N, C-alpha and C. Protein backbone atom coordinates (compact mmCIF):
# COMPACT_ATOMS: atom_id res chain seq x y z
N MET A 1 5.66 229.16 152.87
CA MET A 1 4.89 228.36 151.93
C MET A 1 3.46 228.21 152.43
N SER A 2 2.53 228.29 151.49
CA SER A 2 1.12 228.08 151.85
C SER A 2 0.81 226.59 151.80
N ALA A 3 -0.37 226.23 152.25
CA ALA A 3 -0.80 224.84 152.23
C ALA A 3 -0.87 224.30 150.80
N SER A 4 -1.10 225.18 149.83
CA SER A 4 -1.18 224.75 148.42
C SER A 4 0.19 224.58 147.79
N GLY A 5 1.25 224.88 148.54
CA GLY A 5 2.61 224.65 148.05
C GLY A 5 3.27 225.81 147.35
N HIS A 6 2.66 226.98 147.30
CA HIS A 6 3.31 228.14 146.67
C HIS A 6 3.60 229.18 147.75
N ALA A 7 4.59 229.99 147.49
CA ALA A 7 4.99 231.02 148.44
C ALA A 7 3.96 232.15 148.45
N VAL A 8 3.66 232.64 149.63
CA VAL A 8 2.79 233.80 149.76
C VAL A 8 3.65 235.03 149.48
N VAL A 9 3.26 235.81 148.48
CA VAL A 9 3.99 237.00 148.10
C VAL A 9 3.38 238.18 148.85
N GLY A 10 4.21 238.95 149.53
CA GLY A 10 3.74 240.08 150.32
C GLY A 10 3.48 241.30 149.49
N PRO A 11 3.06 242.36 150.07
CA PRO A 11 2.80 242.47 151.51
C PRO A 11 1.43 241.89 151.88
N VAL A 12 1.33 241.50 153.15
CA VAL A 12 0.07 241.02 153.71
C VAL A 12 -0.33 242.05 154.77
N PRO A 13 -1.55 242.59 154.67
CA PRO A 13 -1.98 243.60 155.65
C PRO A 13 -1.90 243.07 157.08
N GLU A 14 -1.53 243.94 157.97
CA GLU A 14 -1.38 243.59 159.38
C GLU A 14 -2.70 243.02 159.91
N GLY A 15 -2.58 241.94 160.67
CA GLY A 15 -3.74 241.32 161.28
C GLY A 15 -4.49 240.34 160.40
N ARG A 16 -4.03 240.15 159.16
CA ARG A 16 -4.71 239.23 158.23
C ARG A 16 -4.00 237.90 158.21
N ASP A 17 -4.74 236.81 158.06
CA ASP A 17 -4.17 235.49 157.88
C ASP A 17 -3.54 235.46 156.48
N ALA A 18 -2.24 235.18 156.41
CA ALA A 18 -1.50 235.28 155.15
C ALA A 18 -2.07 234.37 154.07
N GLU A 19 -2.38 233.12 154.40
CA GLU A 19 -2.89 232.19 153.39
C GLU A 19 -4.28 232.58 152.90
N ALA A 20 -5.17 232.95 153.81
CA ALA A 20 -6.52 233.36 153.41
C ALA A 20 -6.46 234.62 152.56
N TYR A 21 -5.63 235.57 152.98
CA TYR A 21 -5.49 236.80 152.21
C TYR A 21 -4.93 236.51 150.82
N ASP A 22 -3.93 235.63 150.74
CA ASP A 22 -3.33 235.28 149.45
C ASP A 22 -4.36 234.66 148.52
N ARG A 23 -5.20 233.75 149.03
CA ARG A 23 -6.26 233.14 148.21
C ARG A 23 -7.23 234.20 147.71
N LEU A 24 -7.63 235.12 148.60
CA LEU A 24 -8.56 236.19 148.22
C LEU A 24 -7.95 237.09 147.16
N ARG A 25 -6.70 237.51 147.38
CA ARG A 25 -6.03 238.41 146.43
C ARG A 25 -5.91 237.76 145.06
N ARG A 26 -5.52 236.46 145.00
CA ARG A 26 -5.42 235.76 143.72
C ARG A 26 -6.78 235.69 143.04
N LYS A 27 -7.84 235.40 143.80
CA LYS A 27 -9.19 235.33 143.24
C LYS A 27 -9.59 236.65 142.59
N VAL A 28 -9.30 237.76 143.28
CA VAL A 28 -9.65 239.07 142.73
C VAL A 28 -8.81 239.39 141.50
N LEU A 29 -7.50 239.12 141.56
CA LEU A 29 -6.64 239.39 140.41
C LEU A 29 -7.04 238.54 139.20
N TRP A 30 -7.43 237.29 139.42
CA TRP A 30 -7.86 236.43 138.32
C TRP A 30 -9.17 236.91 137.73
N ALA A 31 -9.95 237.69 138.47
CA ALA A 31 -11.23 238.19 137.98
C ALA A 31 -11.09 239.41 137.07
N LEU A 32 -9.89 240.02 137.01
CA LEU A 32 -9.69 241.14 136.11
C LEU A 32 -9.92 240.67 134.67
N PRO A 33 -10.74 241.35 133.90
CA PRO A 33 -10.99 240.92 132.52
C PRO A 33 -9.68 240.86 131.74
N SER A 34 -9.50 239.77 131.02
CA SER A 34 -8.24 239.57 130.33
C SER A 34 -8.47 238.73 129.08
N GLY A 35 -7.90 239.19 127.97
CA GLY A 35 -7.94 238.39 126.76
C GLY A 35 -6.94 237.25 126.86
N LEU A 36 -7.02 236.32 125.96
CA LEU A 36 -6.08 235.22 125.89
C LEU A 36 -5.62 235.14 124.44
N TYR A 37 -4.33 235.27 124.23
CA TYR A 37 -3.76 235.44 122.89
C TYR A 37 -2.62 234.47 122.68
N LEU A 38 -2.11 234.43 121.46
CA LEU A 38 -0.86 233.73 121.17
C LEU A 38 0.16 234.77 120.73
N LEU A 39 1.30 234.76 121.39
CA LEU A 39 2.38 235.70 121.12
C LEU A 39 3.47 234.98 120.34
N GLY A 40 3.69 235.42 119.09
CA GLY A 40 4.72 234.83 118.25
C GLY A 40 5.99 235.67 118.32
N THR A 41 7.12 234.99 118.45
CA THR A 41 8.42 235.68 118.50
C THR A 41 9.40 234.99 117.56
N ARG A 42 10.40 235.78 117.16
CA ARG A 42 11.44 235.24 116.28
C ARG A 42 12.75 235.96 116.54
N ALA A 43 13.81 235.17 116.58
CA ALA A 43 15.18 235.69 116.63
C ALA A 43 15.99 234.81 115.70
N GLY A 44 16.41 235.35 114.57
CA GLY A 44 17.12 234.54 113.57
C GLY A 44 16.20 233.45 113.05
N SER A 45 16.65 232.21 113.11
CA SER A 45 15.82 231.10 112.63
C SER A 45 14.98 230.48 113.76
N ARG A 46 15.13 230.97 114.97
CA ARG A 46 14.36 230.44 116.11
C ARG A 46 13.02 231.16 116.24
N ARG A 47 11.98 230.37 116.46
CA ARG A 47 10.62 230.91 116.59
C ARG A 47 9.94 230.26 117.79
N ASN A 48 8.97 230.97 118.35
CA ASN A 48 8.15 230.39 119.40
C ASN A 48 6.77 231.04 119.37
N LEU A 49 5.80 230.31 119.85
CA LEU A 49 4.46 230.82 120.11
C LEU A 49 4.17 230.55 121.57
N MET A 50 3.56 231.50 122.24
CA MET A 50 3.30 231.37 123.67
C MET A 50 1.90 231.90 123.98
N THR A 51 1.18 231.18 124.81
CA THR A 51 -0.10 231.66 125.32
C THR A 51 0.18 232.82 126.26
N ILE A 52 -0.57 233.91 126.11
CA ILE A 52 -0.33 235.11 126.93
C ILE A 52 -1.65 235.81 127.23
N SER A 53 -1.71 236.37 128.43
CA SER A 53 -2.91 237.14 128.80
C SER A 53 -2.57 238.58 129.19
N TRP A 54 -1.34 238.85 129.55
CA TRP A 54 -0.98 240.21 129.98
C TRP A 54 -0.61 241.05 128.77
N VAL A 55 -1.63 241.64 128.16
CA VAL A 55 -1.49 242.41 126.92
C VAL A 55 -2.40 243.62 127.00
N THR A 56 -1.91 244.78 126.57
CA THR A 56 -2.77 245.95 126.47
C THR A 56 -2.14 247.00 125.56
N GLN A 57 -2.99 247.83 124.97
CA GLN A 57 -2.49 248.99 124.23
C GLN A 57 -2.04 250.01 125.27
N VAL A 58 -0.88 250.62 125.05
CA VAL A 58 -0.34 251.56 126.06
C VAL A 58 -0.18 252.99 125.55
N ALA A 59 -0.31 253.23 124.24
CA ALA A 59 -0.20 254.59 123.70
C ALA A 59 -0.91 254.66 122.35
N LEU A 60 -1.37 255.88 122.05
CA LEU A 60 -2.05 256.12 120.77
C LEU A 60 -1.10 256.64 119.71
N GLU A 61 -0.15 257.51 120.10
CA GLU A 61 0.81 258.10 119.17
C GLU A 61 2.21 257.96 119.74
N PRO A 62 3.01 257.04 119.27
CA PRO A 62 2.70 256.04 118.26
C PRO A 62 1.82 254.93 118.84
N LYS A 63 1.33 254.06 117.98
CA LYS A 63 0.51 252.93 118.41
C LYS A 63 1.42 251.91 119.09
N LEU A 64 1.29 251.81 120.42
CA LEU A 64 2.14 250.91 121.20
C LEU A 64 1.30 249.89 121.95
N VAL A 65 1.81 248.65 121.99
CA VAL A 65 1.18 247.55 122.70
C VAL A 65 2.20 246.98 123.68
N GLY A 66 1.75 246.72 124.90
CA GLY A 66 2.63 246.14 125.92
C GLY A 66 2.25 244.70 126.19
N VAL A 67 3.29 243.85 126.42
CA VAL A 67 3.09 242.45 126.76
C VAL A 67 3.99 242.10 127.95
N GLY A 68 3.42 241.40 128.92
CA GLY A 68 4.19 240.96 130.09
C GLY A 68 4.62 239.52 129.92
N VAL A 69 5.94 239.27 129.96
CA VAL A 69 6.48 237.93 129.70
C VAL A 69 7.41 237.53 130.84
N GLU A 70 7.22 236.32 131.34
CA GLU A 70 8.06 235.79 132.42
C GLU A 70 9.52 235.75 131.97
N ARG A 71 10.40 236.19 132.85
CA ARG A 71 11.82 236.31 132.50
C ARG A 71 12.46 234.97 132.15
N ALA A 72 11.96 233.87 132.71
CA ALA A 72 12.54 232.55 132.44
C ALA A 72 12.01 231.92 131.15
N ALA A 73 11.04 232.54 130.50
CA ALA A 73 10.41 231.96 129.31
C ALA A 73 11.30 232.05 128.07
N VAL A 74 11.17 231.06 127.20
CA VAL A 74 11.86 231.06 125.91
C VAL A 74 11.49 232.33 125.14
N THR A 75 10.22 232.71 125.20
CA THR A 75 9.75 233.90 124.50
C THR A 75 10.48 235.15 124.96
N HIS A 76 10.80 235.24 126.24
CA HIS A 76 11.53 236.40 126.78
C HIS A 76 12.88 236.52 126.07
N GLN A 77 13.59 235.41 125.98
CA GLN A 77 14.90 235.40 125.33
C GLN A 77 14.78 235.82 123.86
N LEU A 78 13.76 235.31 123.17
CA LEU A 78 13.58 235.66 121.76
C LEU A 78 13.22 237.13 121.59
N LEU A 79 12.43 237.69 122.52
CA LEU A 79 12.10 239.11 122.46
C LEU A 79 13.35 239.98 122.65
N VAL A 80 14.18 239.59 123.59
CA VAL A 80 15.42 240.34 123.83
C VAL A 80 16.33 240.28 122.61
N GLU A 81 16.49 239.09 122.05
CA GLU A 81 17.41 238.89 120.93
C GLU A 81 16.83 239.38 119.60
N GLY A 82 15.55 239.10 119.33
CA GLY A 82 14.97 239.41 118.03
C GLY A 82 14.28 240.75 117.94
N GLY A 83 13.75 241.22 119.08
CA GLY A 83 13.12 242.54 119.12
C GLY A 83 11.82 242.67 118.34
N VAL A 84 11.13 241.54 118.09
CA VAL A 84 9.86 241.59 117.37
C VAL A 84 8.87 240.62 118.01
N PHE A 85 7.58 240.95 117.84
CA PHE A 85 6.54 240.00 118.23
C PHE A 85 5.29 240.23 117.40
N ALA A 86 4.51 239.16 117.25
CA ALA A 86 3.22 239.23 116.58
C ALA A 86 2.18 238.66 117.53
N LEU A 87 1.10 239.38 117.71
CA LEU A 87 0.05 238.97 118.61
C LEU A 87 -1.13 238.46 117.80
N SER A 88 -1.47 237.17 117.98
CA SER A 88 -2.62 236.57 117.30
C SER A 88 -3.83 236.63 118.22
N LEU A 89 -4.89 237.31 117.77
CA LEU A 89 -6.15 237.35 118.49
C LEU A 89 -7.00 236.21 117.95
N LEU A 90 -7.50 235.39 118.84
CA LEU A 90 -8.24 234.20 118.44
C LEU A 90 -9.73 234.36 118.67
N PRO A 91 -10.55 233.74 117.82
CA PRO A 91 -11.98 233.74 118.09
C PRO A 91 -12.26 232.84 119.29
N ARG A 92 -13.35 233.11 119.99
CA ARG A 92 -13.70 232.33 121.18
C ARG A 92 -13.88 230.85 120.85
N THR A 93 -14.22 230.54 119.62
CA THR A 93 -14.42 229.15 119.21
C THR A 93 -13.12 228.37 119.13
N GLU A 94 -11.98 229.05 119.19
CA GLU A 94 -10.67 228.39 119.03
C GLU A 94 -9.92 228.25 120.35
N ARG A 95 -10.63 228.10 121.45
CA ARG A 95 -9.94 228.07 122.76
C ARG A 95 -8.97 226.90 122.91
N ALA A 96 -9.18 225.81 122.19
CA ALA A 96 -8.26 224.67 122.27
C ALA A 96 -6.88 225.02 121.71
N LEU A 97 -6.78 226.08 120.90
CA LEU A 97 -5.49 226.45 120.30
C LEU A 97 -4.47 226.96 121.31
N VAL A 98 -4.90 227.44 122.46
CA VAL A 98 -3.93 227.99 123.41
C VAL A 98 -3.18 226.92 124.18
N ARG A 99 -3.76 225.75 124.36
CA ARG A 99 -3.11 224.68 125.14
C ARG A 99 -1.75 224.25 124.58
N PRO A 100 -1.62 224.02 123.26
CA PRO A 100 -0.32 223.56 122.76
C PRO A 100 0.82 224.56 122.97
N PHE A 101 0.47 225.79 123.38
CA PHE A 101 1.50 226.82 123.51
C PHE A 101 1.67 227.31 124.95
N ALA A 102 1.20 226.50 125.89
CA ALA A 102 1.42 226.81 127.30
C ALA A 102 2.86 226.49 127.69
N LYS A 103 3.54 225.70 126.89
CA LYS A 103 4.96 225.37 127.06
C LYS A 103 5.68 225.72 125.77
N PRO A 104 7.01 225.83 125.81
CA PRO A 104 7.73 226.18 124.57
C PRO A 104 7.44 225.22 123.43
N VAL A 105 7.42 225.74 122.22
CA VAL A 105 7.16 224.96 121.02
C VAL A 105 8.31 223.97 120.80
N THR A 106 7.94 222.73 120.52
CA THR A 106 8.96 221.71 120.28
C THR A 106 8.99 221.24 118.83
N ASP A 107 7.93 221.49 118.09
CA ASP A 107 7.83 221.01 116.71
C ASP A 107 7.60 222.19 115.77
N VAL A 108 8.67 222.62 115.11
CA VAL A 108 8.60 223.76 114.19
C VAL A 108 8.98 223.30 112.79
N VAL A 109 8.04 223.43 111.85
CA VAL A 109 8.30 223.12 110.45
C VAL A 109 7.85 224.36 109.66
N VAL A 110 8.78 225.30 109.47
CA VAL A 110 8.45 226.58 108.85
C VAL A 110 9.48 226.90 107.78
N ASP A 111 9.00 227.31 106.63
CA ASP A 111 9.87 227.73 105.54
C ASP A 111 10.54 229.05 105.95
N GLU A 112 11.85 229.09 105.92
CA GLU A 112 12.59 230.28 106.37
C GLU A 112 12.28 231.52 105.54
N GLU A 113 12.03 231.37 104.26
CA GLU A 113 11.78 232.54 103.41
C GLU A 113 10.37 233.09 103.55
N THR A 114 9.38 232.20 103.59
CA THR A 114 7.98 232.67 103.60
C THR A 114 7.38 232.74 105.01
N GLY A 115 7.93 231.97 105.94
CA GLY A 115 7.36 231.91 107.29
C GLY A 115 6.14 231.02 107.37
N VAL A 116 5.79 230.36 106.27
CA VAL A 116 4.62 229.48 106.24
C VAL A 116 5.02 228.09 106.72
N GLY A 117 4.15 227.49 107.54
CA GLY A 117 4.41 226.15 108.03
C GLY A 117 3.53 225.81 109.21
N THR A 118 4.09 225.01 110.11
CA THR A 118 3.36 224.63 111.32
C THR A 118 4.26 224.74 112.54
N MET A 119 3.63 225.00 113.66
CA MET A 119 4.31 224.98 114.95
C MET A 119 3.40 224.17 115.88
N ASN A 120 3.94 223.08 116.43
CA ASN A 120 3.14 222.13 117.22
C ASN A 120 1.88 221.73 116.44
N ASP A 121 2.05 221.49 115.15
CA ASP A 121 0.98 221.05 114.24
C ASP A 121 -0.12 222.09 114.01
N VAL A 122 0.12 223.34 114.34
CA VAL A 122 -0.82 224.43 114.11
C VAL A 122 -0.28 225.28 112.96
N ALA A 123 -1.12 225.55 111.97
CA ALA A 123 -0.70 226.31 110.79
C ALA A 123 -0.36 227.75 111.16
N VAL A 124 0.80 228.22 110.64
CA VAL A 124 1.26 229.58 110.89
C VAL A 124 1.76 230.21 109.59
N ARG A 125 1.88 231.53 109.64
CA ARG A 125 2.51 232.27 108.55
C ARG A 125 3.36 233.36 109.20
N GLY A 126 4.28 233.91 108.45
CA GLY A 126 5.14 234.95 109.00
C GLY A 126 4.56 236.33 108.82
N ALA A 127 4.65 237.13 109.87
CA ALA A 127 4.29 238.54 109.78
C ALA A 127 5.40 239.27 109.03
N SER A 128 5.24 240.56 108.79
CA SER A 128 6.28 241.31 108.07
C SER A 128 7.59 241.32 108.84
N THR A 129 7.54 241.22 110.16
CA THR A 129 8.77 241.17 110.97
C THR A 129 9.38 239.78 111.00
N GLY A 130 8.62 238.78 110.54
CA GLY A 130 9.08 237.39 110.58
C GLY A 130 8.53 236.63 111.77
N ALA A 131 7.90 237.30 112.72
CA ALA A 131 7.30 236.61 113.85
C ALA A 131 6.09 235.82 113.37
N PRO A 132 5.85 234.63 113.96
CA PRO A 132 4.73 233.81 113.50
C PRO A 132 3.35 234.31 113.94
N ILE A 133 2.40 234.17 113.02
CA ILE A 133 0.98 234.46 113.26
C ILE A 133 0.23 233.15 113.01
N VAL A 134 -0.70 232.82 113.88
CA VAL A 134 -1.51 231.62 113.72
C VAL A 134 -2.55 231.85 112.62
N ASP A 135 -2.65 230.91 111.69
CA ASP A 135 -3.61 231.05 110.59
C ASP A 135 -5.04 231.22 111.08
N ALA A 136 -5.39 230.62 112.20
CA ALA A 136 -6.75 230.68 112.73
C ALA A 136 -7.06 232.02 113.41
N ALA A 137 -6.07 232.91 113.50
CA ALA A 137 -6.29 234.21 114.16
C ALA A 137 -7.37 234.99 113.43
N THR A 138 -8.22 235.63 114.19
CA THR A 138 -9.26 236.48 113.61
C THR A 138 -8.71 237.89 113.36
N ALA A 139 -7.62 238.21 114.04
CA ALA A 139 -6.91 239.48 113.84
C ALA A 139 -5.50 239.32 114.39
N TRP A 140 -4.61 240.22 113.99
CA TRP A 140 -3.24 240.15 114.48
C TRP A 140 -2.58 241.53 114.44
N LEU A 141 -1.57 241.66 115.30
CA LEU A 141 -0.73 242.87 115.35
C LEU A 141 0.72 242.43 115.23
N ASP A 142 1.47 243.10 114.40
CA ASP A 142 2.89 242.82 114.22
C ASP A 142 3.65 244.01 114.82
N CYS A 143 4.58 243.73 115.72
CA CYS A 143 5.22 244.81 116.49
C CYS A 143 6.73 244.68 116.54
N GLU A 144 7.39 245.84 116.63
CA GLU A 144 8.82 245.93 116.89
C GLU A 144 9.00 246.49 118.28
N VAL A 145 9.84 245.83 119.08
CA VAL A 145 10.05 246.24 120.47
C VAL A 145 10.74 247.60 120.51
N ARG A 146 10.16 248.52 121.27
CA ARG A 146 10.72 249.86 121.44
C ARG A 146 11.23 250.10 122.86
N HIS A 147 10.64 249.42 123.85
CA HIS A 147 11.02 249.61 125.25
C HIS A 147 10.89 248.29 125.99
N THR A 148 11.75 248.11 127.00
CA THR A 148 11.67 246.93 127.88
C THR A 148 11.85 247.41 129.31
N LEU A 149 10.99 246.90 130.19
CA LEU A 149 11.05 247.27 131.60
C LEU A 149 11.09 245.99 132.42
N ALA A 150 12.14 245.81 133.22
CA ALA A 150 12.24 244.65 134.11
C ALA A 150 11.34 244.87 135.31
N LEU A 151 10.47 243.89 135.58
CA LEU A 151 9.50 244.01 136.67
C LEU A 151 9.49 242.73 137.52
N GLY A 152 10.54 242.46 138.23
CA GLY A 152 10.56 241.27 139.08
C GLY A 152 10.56 240.00 138.25
N SER A 153 9.51 239.18 138.42
CA SER A 153 9.43 237.89 137.73
C SER A 153 9.22 238.02 136.22
N HIS A 154 8.76 239.19 135.77
CA HIS A 154 8.43 239.41 134.37
C HIS A 154 9.11 240.66 133.82
N SER A 155 9.12 240.75 132.51
CA SER A 155 9.51 241.99 131.84
C SER A 155 8.33 242.47 131.03
N TRP A 156 8.23 243.78 130.91
CA TRP A 156 7.17 244.39 130.12
C TRP A 156 7.81 244.89 128.83
N PHE A 157 7.41 244.29 127.71
CA PHE A 157 7.93 244.68 126.40
C PHE A 157 6.90 245.56 125.73
N VAL A 158 7.32 246.71 125.26
CA VAL A 158 6.42 247.62 124.56
C VAL A 158 6.83 247.62 123.10
N GLY A 159 5.87 247.25 122.24
CA GLY A 159 6.14 247.18 120.82
C GLY A 159 5.31 248.18 120.04
N GLU A 160 5.93 248.76 119.02
CA GLU A 160 5.20 249.65 118.12
C GLU A 160 4.56 248.80 117.03
N VAL A 161 3.28 249.03 116.80
CA VAL A 161 2.56 248.28 115.77
C VAL A 161 3.07 248.74 114.40
N VAL A 162 3.67 247.79 113.65
CA VAL A 162 4.19 248.10 112.32
C VAL A 162 3.33 247.49 111.21
N ASP A 163 2.41 246.60 111.60
CA ASP A 163 1.48 246.01 110.64
C ASP A 163 0.35 245.38 111.44
N ALA A 164 -0.81 245.23 110.80
CA ALA A 164 -1.97 244.64 111.45
C ALA A 164 -2.87 244.04 110.38
N GLY A 165 -3.71 243.11 110.80
CA GLY A 165 -4.67 242.53 109.88
C GLY A 165 -5.83 241.94 110.65
N SER A 166 -6.96 241.81 109.97
CA SER A 166 -8.10 241.18 110.62
C SER A 166 -8.99 240.55 109.59
N GLY A 167 -9.73 239.58 110.08
CA GLY A 167 -10.79 238.98 109.28
C GLY A 167 -12.09 239.49 109.83
N ASP A 168 -12.84 238.60 110.45
CA ASP A 168 -14.16 238.93 110.97
C ASP A 168 -14.10 239.53 112.38
N LEU A 169 -12.93 239.64 112.95
CA LEU A 169 -12.67 240.18 114.29
C LEU A 169 -13.57 239.56 115.36
N GLY A 170 -13.78 238.26 115.23
CA GLY A 170 -14.45 237.51 116.28
C GLY A 170 -15.96 237.56 116.27
N ALA A 171 -16.58 238.12 115.26
CA ALA A 171 -18.05 238.19 115.25
C ALA A 171 -18.65 236.79 115.25
N GLU A 172 -18.05 235.89 114.47
CA GLU A 172 -18.52 234.51 114.45
C GLU A 172 -18.00 233.82 115.70
N GLY A 173 -18.87 233.23 116.47
CA GLY A 173 -18.44 232.53 117.68
C GLY A 173 -18.43 233.41 118.90
N GLY A 174 -18.87 234.64 118.81
CA GLY A 174 -19.06 235.44 120.00
C GLY A 174 -17.91 236.32 120.43
N GLY A 175 -16.97 236.66 119.57
CA GLY A 175 -15.93 237.61 119.94
C GLY A 175 -14.55 236.99 120.09
N ILE A 176 -13.68 237.76 120.73
CA ILE A 176 -12.28 237.37 120.91
C ILE A 176 -12.15 236.51 122.16
N LEU A 177 -11.29 235.49 122.09
CA LEU A 177 -11.05 234.58 123.20
C LEU A 177 -10.60 235.34 124.44
N ARG A 178 -11.16 234.97 125.58
CA ARG A 178 -10.80 235.58 126.86
C ARG A 178 -10.40 234.47 127.84
N MET A 179 -9.66 234.86 128.85
CA MET A 179 -9.21 233.90 129.86
C MET A 179 -10.39 233.13 130.45
N GLU A 180 -11.50 233.81 130.68
CA GLU A 180 -12.66 233.18 131.30
C GLU A 180 -13.29 232.09 130.43
N ASP A 181 -12.91 232.03 129.14
CA ASP A 181 -13.44 231.00 128.24
C ASP A 181 -12.74 229.66 128.43
N THR A 182 -11.68 229.65 129.20
CA THR A 182 -10.90 228.44 129.42
C THR A 182 -10.85 228.13 130.91
N ARG A 183 -10.23 227.04 131.24
CA ARG A 183 -10.03 226.70 132.65
C ARG A 183 -8.65 227.18 133.12
N MET A 184 -7.97 227.95 132.28
CA MET A 184 -6.65 228.44 132.61
C MET A 184 -6.76 229.66 133.52
N ASN A 185 -5.73 229.88 134.32
CA ASN A 185 -5.59 231.13 135.04
C ASN A 185 -4.09 231.40 135.16
N TYR A 186 -3.76 232.66 135.25
CA TYR A 186 -2.36 233.04 135.30
C TYR A 186 -2.28 234.34 136.08
N GLY A 187 -1.32 234.41 136.92
CA GLY A 187 -1.13 235.63 137.69
C GLY A 187 -1.74 235.53 139.06
N GLY A 188 -1.79 236.68 139.69
CA GLY A 188 -2.32 236.72 141.05
C GLY A 188 -1.28 236.29 142.00
């Protein structure tokens, strides 16, 4: 355990102070440019929205997007069971929207047929797969899971884009929300 109370994850290069190296490594990993999104999932009548930063396009043909989700997360279970996700891209002006989804959603009022309603008092609608999309999203991707890879603490879900939409794509307010726009950090 480090002085900050978390375990130092190896390997640590020979001759290096483990705690100092761990702080340095986390600082560098947190500096990797990363967007901050809301990941909507659905399995049957259960839905969740989760703040996520580990997202990237992984293939052109077919159009595939990968998301890294902690194995203990509610979203992980819904991805395994439901096999769908919708990624809401937020404008930089909406950074407060990610906070209510740092923990599992507790307040869901959504019409089962239309997918329209609220989750933690945030307006949502259903994507074609039924996964929730935040109304404030400047763009979104709707995906069906095609591959899953277990990677220690997380799983990497690869989804094929089956639908997409956009409004102004973040031009108003300076672009798409990024991790650096908030005081949040994850990973490292």
